[in-house]
């Protein structure tokens, strides 16, 4: 996975402008500084270490992952070319969800270094559109009779 600080500015800008669901009834917490500076901080302040990358989809293609999860959560039959053929769909969905959560969690920790893990978890699930979407993804996985789908649901939103 390329480091964000090594990407050309245009690619970095595209990556940092991930779409989010607009929901007027969702609680909202304004950012204290641009999220783009926080995503760069993930790479630079953690010595290059991150929990992002489980899905195998490079950060430059992550906008597609968000669209994939949106379509999946809406009940559509969807696919991503980055999913390895041998990897079952529910596992790939879970890995994508884990990567998306990693971006949010690490970004929040970079923005607010003094917060606890519980604070970040509470913020993510209660105040973000991503948390709402991942609940819908979980619900779709949980509705299946397939035990592999149910197991993936547990990993998406515990």
N, C-alpha and C. Protein backbone atom coordinates (compact mmCIF):
# COMPACT_ATOMS: atom_id res chain seq x y z
N UNK A 1 0.85 -1.17 0.00
CA UNK A 1 0.00 0.00 0.00
C UNK A 1 0.89 1.24 0.00
N UNK A 2 0.62 2.18 -0.90
CA UNK A 2 1.47 3.37 -0.94
C UNK A 2 1.20 4.28 0.26
N UNK A 3 2.22 4.98 0.68
CA UNK A 3 2.05 5.98 1.74
C UNK A 3 1.40 7.21 1.14
N UNK A 4 0.49 7.81 1.89
CA UNK A 4 -0.22 8.97 1.38
C UNK A 4 0.71 10.12 1.06
N UNK A 5 1.76 10.28 1.85
CA UNK A 5 2.65 11.41 1.61
C UNK A 5 3.50 11.21 0.36
N UNK A 6 3.48 10.03 -0.23
CA UNK A 6 4.24 9.78 -1.46
C UNK A 6 3.35 9.84 -2.71
N UNK A 7 2.05 9.98 -2.52
CA UNK A 7 1.15 10.06 -3.66
C UNK A 7 1.18 11.46 -4.27
N UNK A 8 0.94 11.55 -5.58
CA UNK A 8 0.80 12.89 -6.17
C UNK A 8 -0.37 13.62 -5.52
N UNK A 9 -0.31 14.94 -5.49
CA UNK A 9 -1.33 15.74 -4.81
C UNK A 9 -2.73 15.43 -5.33
N UNK A 10 -2.90 15.27 -6.64
CA UNK A 10 -4.21 14.99 -7.22
C UNK A 10 -4.77 13.68 -6.68
N UNK A 11 -3.96 12.63 -6.63
CA UNK A 11 -4.41 11.34 -6.09
C UNK A 11 -4.75 11.45 -4.61
N UNK A 12 -3.92 12.17 -3.87
CA UNK A 12 -4.17 12.35 -2.45
C UNK A 12 -5.49 13.08 -2.22
N UNK A 13 -5.73 14.15 -3.00
CA UNK A 13 -6.99 14.89 -2.86
C UNK A 13 -8.19 14.01 -3.17
N UNK A 14 -8.10 13.20 -4.24
CA UNK A 14 -9.21 12.31 -4.59
C UNK A 14 -9.48 11.30 -3.47
N UNK A 15 -8.43 10.75 -2.91
CA UNK A 15 -8.59 9.78 -1.84
C UNK A 15 -9.22 10.40 -0.60
N UNK A 16 -8.85 11.62 -0.30
CA UNK A 16 -9.30 12.25 0.93
C UNK A 16 -10.70 12.84 0.82
N UNK A 17 -11.30 12.78 -0.34
CA UNK A 17 -12.65 13.31 -0.54
C UNK A 17 -13.66 12.17 -0.65
N UNK A 18 -13.58 11.19 0.24
CA UNK A 18 -14.51 10.07 0.21
C UNK A 18 -15.94 10.55 0.41
N UNK A 19 -16.89 9.99 -0.35
CA UNK A 19 -18.28 10.41 -0.18
C UNK A 19 -18.86 9.87 1.13
N UNK A 20 -19.77 10.59 1.69
CA UNK A 20 -20.48 10.13 2.88
C UNK A 20 -21.97 10.29 2.64
N UNK A 21 -22.73 9.46 3.30
CA UNK A 21 -24.17 9.54 3.20
C UNK A 21 -24.66 10.80 3.91
N UNK A 22 -25.58 11.50 3.28
CA UNK A 22 -26.17 12.69 3.90
C UNK A 22 -27.44 12.25 4.60
N UNK A 23 -27.53 12.51 5.88
CA UNK A 23 -28.69 12.11 6.65
C UNK A 23 -28.97 13.25 7.63
N UNK A 24 -30.01 14.03 7.35
CA UNK A 24 -30.30 15.21 8.16
C UNK A 24 -30.70 14.88 9.60
N UNK A 25 -31.11 13.64 9.86
CA UNK A 25 -31.55 13.30 11.20
C UNK A 25 -30.43 12.71 12.06
N UNK A 26 -29.28 12.45 11.46
CA UNK A 26 -28.18 11.84 12.21
C UNK A 26 -27.51 12.89 13.09
N UNK A 27 -27.05 12.50 14.28
CA UNK A 27 -26.27 13.43 15.10
C UNK A 27 -25.01 13.80 14.35
N UNK A 28 -24.50 14.98 14.59
CA UNK A 28 -23.36 15.47 13.84
C UNK A 28 -22.38 16.15 14.78
N UNK A 29 -21.13 15.81 14.62
CA UNK A 29 -20.07 16.48 15.37
C UNK A 29 -19.15 17.14 14.35
N UNK A 30 -19.04 18.47 14.37
CA UNK A 30 -18.16 19.12 13.40
C UNK A 30 -16.70 18.79 13.69
N UNK A 31 -15.93 18.66 12.63
CA UNK A 31 -14.51 18.39 12.77
C UNK A 31 -13.80 19.64 13.28
N UNK A 32 -12.76 19.44 14.06
CA UNK A 32 -12.01 20.59 14.59
C UNK A 32 -10.94 21.05 13.61
N UNK A 33 -10.58 20.18 12.67
CA UNK A 33 -9.65 20.53 11.60
C UNK A 33 -9.93 19.60 10.42
N UNK A 34 -9.44 19.91 9.26
CA UNK A 34 -9.77 19.09 8.08
C UNK A 34 -9.33 17.63 8.27
N UNK A 35 -10.21 16.72 7.89
CA UNK A 35 -9.90 15.31 8.00
C UNK A 35 -8.70 14.94 7.15
N UNK A 36 -8.49 15.66 6.06
CA UNK A 36 -7.35 15.37 5.19
C UNK A 36 -6.03 15.47 5.95
N UNK A 37 -5.91 16.40 6.86
CA UNK A 37 -4.67 16.51 7.64
C UNK A 37 -4.55 15.35 8.61
N UNK A 38 -5.67 14.82 9.04
CA UNK A 38 -5.63 13.70 9.98
C UNK A 38 -5.25 12.40 9.29
N UNK A 39 -5.74 12.20 8.09
CA UNK A 39 -5.37 10.98 7.37
C UNK A 39 -3.88 10.98 7.06
N UNK A 40 -3.35 12.14 6.75
CA UNK A 40 -1.91 12.21 6.54
C UNK A 40 -1.18 11.96 7.85
N UNK A 41 -1.77 12.40 8.95
CA UNK A 41 -1.16 12.20 10.26
C UNK A 41 -1.12 10.73 10.64
N UNK A 42 -2.06 9.95 10.15
CA UNK A 42 -2.05 8.51 10.44
C UNK A 42 -0.72 7.91 10.00
N UNK A 43 -0.31 8.28 8.82
CA UNK A 43 0.91 7.72 8.26
C UNK A 43 2.14 8.32 8.92
N UNK A 44 2.13 9.62 9.17
CA UNK A 44 3.35 10.26 9.64
C UNK A 44 3.53 10.18 11.15
N UNK A 45 2.46 10.25 11.94
CA UNK A 45 2.64 10.26 13.39
C UNK A 45 2.74 8.86 13.98
N UNK A 46 2.29 7.85 13.25
CA UNK A 46 2.36 6.49 13.77
C UNK A 46 3.55 5.75 13.20
N UNK A 47 4.50 6.48 12.66
CA UNK A 47 5.69 5.85 12.11
C UNK A 47 5.37 4.95 10.92
N UNK A 48 4.29 5.26 10.21
CA UNK A 48 3.91 4.45 9.05
C UNK A 48 3.07 3.25 9.39
N UNK A 49 2.80 3.01 10.66
CA UNK A 49 2.00 1.85 11.06
C UNK A 49 0.53 2.21 11.02
N UNK A 50 -0.27 1.25 10.58
CA UNK A 50 -1.71 1.44 10.52
C UNK A 50 -2.39 0.07 10.55
N UNK A 51 -3.64 0.04 10.97
CA UNK A 51 -4.41 -1.20 10.91
C UNK A 51 -5.15 -1.30 9.59
N UNK A 52 -5.05 -0.29 8.76
CA UNK A 52 -5.68 -0.29 7.44
C UNK A 52 -4.95 -1.26 6.52
N UNK A 53 -5.71 -1.98 5.69
CA UNK A 53 -5.09 -2.83 4.68
C UNK A 53 -5.58 -4.26 4.65
N UNK A 54 -6.46 -4.64 5.56
CA UNK A 54 -6.93 -6.03 5.63
C UNK A 54 -7.63 -6.45 4.35
N UNK A 55 -8.38 -5.56 3.72
CA UNK A 55 -9.14 -5.92 2.52
C UNK A 55 -8.23 -6.13 1.31
N UNK A 56 -7.03 -5.59 1.36
CA UNK A 56 -6.13 -5.70 0.22
C UNK A 56 -6.39 -4.65 -0.84
N UNK A 57 -7.39 -3.80 -0.63
CA UNK A 57 -7.70 -2.73 -1.58
C UNK A 57 -6.81 -1.54 -1.23
N UNK A 58 -6.06 -1.03 -2.21
CA UNK A 58 -5.19 0.11 -1.90
C UNK A 58 -5.99 1.35 -1.53
N UNK A 59 -5.38 2.20 -0.76
CA UNK A 59 -6.06 3.42 -0.31
C UNK A 59 -6.53 4.27 -1.47
N UNK A 60 -5.83 4.21 -2.59
CA UNK A 60 -6.22 5.01 -3.76
C UNK A 60 -7.53 4.52 -4.38
N UNK A 61 -7.99 3.32 -4.03
CA UNK A 61 -9.23 2.77 -4.56
C UNK A 61 -10.32 2.69 -3.49
N UNK A 62 -10.11 3.35 -2.36
CA UNK A 62 -11.04 3.15 -1.26
C UNK A 62 -12.40 3.79 -1.48
N UNK A 63 -12.48 4.79 -2.32
CA UNK A 63 -13.79 5.37 -2.64
C UNK A 63 -14.70 4.29 -3.22
N UNK A 64 -14.13 3.40 -4.02
CA UNK A 64 -14.89 2.28 -4.57
C UNK A 64 -15.38 1.33 -3.49
N UNK A 65 -14.59 1.15 -2.44
CA UNK A 65 -15.00 0.30 -1.32
C UNK A 65 -16.23 0.89 -0.63
N UNK A 66 -16.23 2.19 -0.43
CA UNK A 66 -17.38 2.83 0.21
C UNK A 66 -18.62 2.64 -0.64
N UNK A 67 -18.49 2.82 -1.94
CA UNK A 67 -19.64 2.61 -2.83
C UNK A 67 -20.10 1.15 -2.80
N UNK A 68 -19.15 0.24 -2.76
CA UNK A 68 -19.46 -1.19 -2.66
C UNK A 68 -20.26 -1.48 -1.39
N UNK A 69 -19.81 -0.94 -0.25
CA UNK A 69 -20.51 -1.16 1.01
C UNK A 69 -21.89 -0.50 1.00
N UNK A 70 -22.01 0.67 0.38
CA UNK A 70 -23.31 1.33 0.28
C UNK A 70 -24.28 0.46 -0.51
N UNK A 71 -23.83 -0.07 -1.65
CA UNK A 71 -24.69 -0.92 -2.47
C UNK A 71 -25.04 -2.21 -1.73
N UNK A 72 -24.07 -2.81 -1.07
CA UNK A 72 -24.32 -4.04 -0.32
C UNK A 72 -25.32 -3.79 0.80
N UNK A 73 -25.13 -2.70 1.53
CA UNK A 73 -26.04 -2.37 2.63
C UNK A 73 -27.44 -2.06 2.15
N UNK A 74 -27.58 -1.64 0.89
CA UNK A 74 -28.90 -1.35 0.32
C UNK A 74 -29.55 -2.61 -0.25
N UNK A 75 -28.88 -3.75 -0.13
CA UNK A 75 -29.46 -5.01 -0.59
C UNK A 75 -29.15 -5.37 -2.02
N UNK A 76 -28.29 -4.60 -2.67
CA UNK A 76 -27.94 -4.88 -4.06
C UNK A 76 -26.91 -6.01 -4.15
N UNK A 77 -26.98 -6.76 -5.24
CA UNK A 77 -25.93 -7.73 -5.54
C UNK A 77 -24.79 -6.95 -6.17
N UNK A 78 -23.70 -6.84 -5.47
CA UNK A 78 -22.60 -5.99 -5.92
C UNK A 78 -21.29 -6.75 -5.81
N UNK A 79 -20.30 -6.27 -6.50
CA UNK A 79 -19.00 -6.93 -6.52
C UNK A 79 -17.91 -5.89 -6.74
N UNK A 80 -16.70 -6.23 -6.33
CA UNK A 80 -15.53 -5.38 -6.60
C UNK A 80 -14.48 -6.24 -7.28
N UNK A 81 -13.86 -5.69 -8.29
CA UNK A 81 -12.84 -6.44 -9.01
C UNK A 81 -11.63 -6.76 -8.13
N UNK A 82 -11.44 -5.99 -7.06
CA UNK A 82 -10.31 -6.23 -6.16
C UNK A 82 -10.50 -7.45 -5.26
N UNK A 83 -11.71 -7.97 -5.17
CA UNK A 83 -11.92 -9.15 -4.31
C UNK A 83 -11.28 -10.37 -4.94
N UNK A 84 -10.35 -11.01 -4.22
CA UNK A 84 -9.75 -12.23 -4.75
C UNK A 84 -10.82 -13.31 -4.95
N UNK A 85 -10.71 -14.06 -6.03
CA UNK A 85 -11.72 -15.07 -6.36
C UNK A 85 -11.89 -16.11 -5.25
N UNK A 86 -10.82 -16.42 -4.54
CA UNK A 86 -10.89 -17.45 -3.50
C UNK A 86 -11.45 -16.92 -2.17
N UNK A 87 -11.62 -15.60 -2.06
CA UNK A 87 -12.12 -15.00 -0.82
C UNK A 87 -13.65 -14.89 -0.88
N UNK A 88 -14.35 -15.56 0.05
CA UNK A 88 -15.82 -15.49 0.04
C UNK A 88 -16.30 -14.04 0.23
N UNK A 89 -17.42 -13.73 -0.40
CA UNK A 89 -17.98 -12.37 -0.34
C UNK A 89 -18.16 -11.87 1.09
N UNK A 90 -18.74 -12.66 2.01
CA UNK A 90 -18.92 -12.12 3.36
C UNK A 90 -17.60 -11.77 4.05
N UNK A 91 -16.55 -12.52 3.78
CA UNK A 91 -15.25 -12.20 4.38
C UNK A 91 -14.72 -10.90 3.80
N UNK A 92 -14.87 -10.72 2.49
CA UNK A 92 -14.41 -9.49 1.85
C UNK A 92 -15.18 -8.29 2.39
N UNK A 93 -16.48 -8.45 2.56
CA UNK A 93 -17.30 -7.36 3.12
C UNK A 93 -16.78 -6.98 4.50
N UNK A 94 -16.51 -7.99 5.30
CA UNK A 94 -16.01 -7.71 6.65
C UNK A 94 -14.65 -7.01 6.61
N UNK A 95 -13.75 -7.47 5.75
CA UNK A 95 -12.43 -6.84 5.66
C UNK A 95 -12.54 -5.38 5.21
N UNK A 96 -13.44 -5.13 4.25
CA UNK A 96 -13.65 -3.75 3.79
C UNK A 96 -14.19 -2.89 4.93
N UNK A 97 -15.13 -3.44 5.69
CA UNK A 97 -15.68 -2.71 6.83
C UNK A 97 -14.59 -2.43 7.86
N UNK A 98 -13.73 -3.40 8.11
CA UNK A 98 -12.64 -3.20 9.06
C UNK A 98 -11.69 -2.09 8.60
N UNK A 99 -11.39 -2.07 7.31
CA UNK A 99 -10.52 -1.00 6.80
C UNK A 99 -11.19 0.36 6.92
N UNK A 100 -12.47 0.43 6.63
CA UNK A 100 -13.17 1.71 6.73
C UNK A 100 -13.19 2.19 8.18
N UNK A 101 -13.45 1.27 9.11
CA UNK A 101 -13.42 1.63 10.53
C UNK A 101 -12.02 2.09 10.93
N UNK A 102 -10.99 1.44 10.40
CA UNK A 102 -9.61 1.83 10.72
C UNK A 102 -9.34 3.27 10.30
N UNK A 103 -9.81 3.65 9.11
CA UNK A 103 -9.62 5.03 8.66
C UNK A 103 -10.28 6.01 9.62
N UNK A 104 -11.50 5.72 10.02
CA UNK A 104 -12.22 6.61 10.93
C UNK A 104 -11.56 6.62 12.31
N UNK A 105 -11.28 5.46 12.85
CA UNK A 105 -10.73 5.38 14.21
C UNK A 105 -9.36 6.07 14.27
N UNK A 106 -8.49 5.75 13.31
CA UNK A 106 -7.16 6.34 13.34
C UNK A 106 -7.22 7.85 13.07
N UNK A 107 -8.14 8.27 12.21
CA UNK A 107 -8.31 9.70 11.97
C UNK A 107 -8.78 10.42 13.22
N UNK A 108 -9.72 9.81 13.93
CA UNK A 108 -10.23 10.44 15.16
C UNK A 108 -9.14 10.51 16.22
N UNK A 109 -8.37 9.45 16.35
CA UNK A 109 -7.28 9.46 17.33
C UNK A 109 -6.23 10.51 16.99
N UNK A 110 -5.99 10.72 15.70
CA UNK A 110 -5.03 11.74 15.30
C UNK A 110 -5.58 13.14 15.57
N UNK A 111 -6.90 13.30 15.41
CA UNK A 111 -7.52 14.61 15.65
C UNK A 111 -7.63 14.93 17.13
N UNK A 112 -7.89 13.91 17.93
CA UNK A 112 -8.09 14.10 19.37
C UNK A 112 -7.22 13.09 20.12
N UNK A 113 -5.94 13.37 20.26
CA UNK A 113 -5.01 12.40 20.85
C UNK A 113 -5.36 11.95 22.26
N UNK A 114 -6.11 12.73 23.01
CA UNK A 114 -6.40 12.36 24.39
C UNK A 114 -7.62 11.47 24.59
N UNK A 115 -8.34 11.14 23.52
CA UNK A 115 -9.56 10.35 23.68
C UNK A 115 -9.23 8.89 23.93
N UNK A 116 -10.16 8.21 24.57
CA UNK A 116 -9.99 6.78 24.83
C UNK A 116 -10.58 5.98 23.68
N UNK A 117 -10.25 4.71 23.65
CA UNK A 117 -10.81 3.82 22.64
C UNK A 117 -12.33 3.76 22.73
N UNK A 118 -12.85 3.76 23.96
CA UNK A 118 -14.31 3.74 24.14
C UNK A 118 -14.95 5.01 23.58
N UNK A 119 -14.29 6.14 23.77
CA UNK A 119 -14.81 7.41 23.23
C UNK A 119 -14.89 7.37 21.71
N UNK A 120 -13.83 6.85 21.09
CA UNK A 120 -13.80 6.78 19.63
C UNK A 120 -14.87 5.81 19.13
N UNK A 121 -15.02 4.69 19.79
CA UNK A 121 -16.03 3.70 19.41
C UNK A 121 -17.43 4.29 19.53
N UNK A 122 -17.69 4.95 20.63
CA UNK A 122 -19.00 5.58 20.85
C UNK A 122 -19.27 6.63 19.77
N UNK A 123 -18.27 7.46 19.48
CA UNK A 123 -18.40 8.49 18.44
C UNK A 123 -18.71 7.86 17.09
N UNK A 124 -17.96 6.83 16.72
CA UNK A 124 -18.13 6.22 15.41
C UNK A 124 -19.53 5.65 15.24
N UNK A 125 -19.99 4.86 16.19
CA UNK A 125 -21.28 4.18 16.03
C UNK A 125 -22.47 5.11 16.26
N UNK A 126 -22.29 6.16 17.06
CA UNK A 126 -23.43 7.03 17.36
C UNK A 126 -23.51 8.28 16.50
N UNK A 127 -22.39 8.74 15.94
CA UNK A 127 -22.39 10.05 15.31
C UNK A 127 -21.95 10.09 13.86
N UNK A 128 -21.62 8.97 13.26
CA UNK A 128 -21.15 9.02 11.88
C UNK A 128 -22.09 8.27 10.94
N UNK A 129 -22.14 8.74 9.71
CA UNK A 129 -22.92 8.06 8.67
C UNK A 129 -22.29 6.70 8.36
N UNK A 130 -20.98 6.59 8.50
CA UNK A 130 -20.31 5.31 8.27
C UNK A 130 -20.81 4.26 9.26
N UNK A 131 -20.96 4.65 10.51
CA UNK A 131 -21.50 3.73 11.51
C UNK A 131 -22.90 3.26 11.16
N UNK A 132 -23.73 4.19 10.70
CA UNK A 132 -25.09 3.82 10.29
C UNK A 132 -25.07 2.86 9.11
N UNK A 133 -24.22 3.14 8.13
CA UNK A 133 -24.13 2.26 6.96
C UNK A 133 -23.65 0.87 7.37
N UNK A 134 -22.66 0.79 8.22
CA UNK A 134 -22.15 -0.53 8.62
C UNK A 134 -23.18 -1.31 9.41
N UNK A 135 -24.09 -0.64 10.10
CA UNK A 135 -25.19 -1.37 10.75
C UNK A 135 -26.10 -2.01 9.70
N UNK A 136 -26.35 -1.29 8.60
CA UNK A 136 -27.17 -1.87 7.52
C UNK A 136 -26.45 -3.05 6.86
N UNK A 137 -25.14 -2.93 6.69
CA UNK A 137 -24.35 -4.03 6.15
C UNK A 137 -24.46 -5.23 7.08
N UNK A 138 -24.30 -4.98 8.37
CA UNK A 138 -24.43 -6.06 9.36
C UNK A 138 -25.80 -6.72 9.29
N UNK A 139 -26.85 -5.89 9.20
CA UNK A 139 -28.21 -6.44 9.16
C UNK A 139 -28.42 -7.33 7.94
N UNK A 140 -27.86 -6.93 6.80
CA UNK A 140 -28.01 -7.77 5.60
C UNK A 140 -27.27 -9.09 5.79
N UNK A 141 -26.07 -9.04 6.33
CA UNK A 141 -25.33 -10.28 6.57
C UNK A 141 -26.04 -11.17 7.58
N UNK A 142 -26.56 -10.57 8.62
CA UNK A 142 -27.24 -11.31 9.68
C UNK A 142 -28.53 -11.98 9.20
N UNK A 143 -29.19 -11.40 8.21
CA UNK A 143 -30.46 -11.93 7.70
C UNK A 143 -30.27 -13.22 6.91
N UNK A 144 -29.06 -13.52 6.54
CA UNK A 144 -28.80 -14.73 5.75
C UNK A 144 -28.88 -15.98 6.64
N UNK A 145 -29.21 -17.08 6.01
CA UNK A 145 -29.21 -18.36 6.71
C UNK A 145 -27.81 -18.98 6.75
N UNK A 146 -26.92 -18.47 5.93
CA UNK A 146 -25.55 -19.00 5.84
C UNK A 146 -24.76 -18.61 7.08
N UNK A 147 -24.19 -19.58 7.81
CA UNK A 147 -23.44 -19.25 9.03
C UNK A 147 -22.20 -18.40 8.76
N UNK A 148 -21.62 -18.48 7.56
CA UNK A 148 -20.46 -17.64 7.24
C UNK A 148 -20.86 -16.18 7.16
N UNK A 149 -22.06 -15.93 6.63
CA UNK A 149 -22.55 -14.55 6.54
C UNK A 149 -22.84 -14.02 7.94
N UNK A 150 -23.43 -14.87 8.79
CA UNK A 150 -23.74 -14.45 10.16
C UNK A 150 -22.44 -14.14 10.94
N UNK A 151 -21.43 -14.96 10.73
CA UNK A 151 -20.14 -14.73 11.41
C UNK A 151 -19.53 -13.41 10.95
N UNK A 152 -19.63 -13.11 9.66
CA UNK A 152 -19.11 -11.85 9.13
C UNK A 152 -19.88 -10.68 9.73
N UNK A 153 -21.18 -10.85 9.92
CA UNK A 153 -22.02 -9.78 10.50
C UNK A 153 -21.51 -9.40 11.88
N UNK A 154 -21.13 -10.38 12.66
CA UNK A 154 -20.61 -10.10 14.00
C UNK A 154 -19.35 -9.26 13.93
N UNK A 155 -18.50 -9.52 12.94
CA UNK A 155 -17.26 -8.78 12.80
C UNK A 155 -17.47 -7.36 12.28
N UNK A 156 -18.51 -7.14 11.49
CA UNK A 156 -18.77 -5.82 10.93
C UNK A 156 -19.19 -4.85 12.01
N UNK A 157 -20.14 -5.27 12.84
CA UNK A 157 -20.66 -4.38 13.89
C UNK A 157 -20.97 -5.20 15.12
N UNK A 158 -20.08 -5.12 16.09
CA UNK A 158 -20.28 -5.89 17.33
C UNK A 158 -20.97 -5.05 18.35
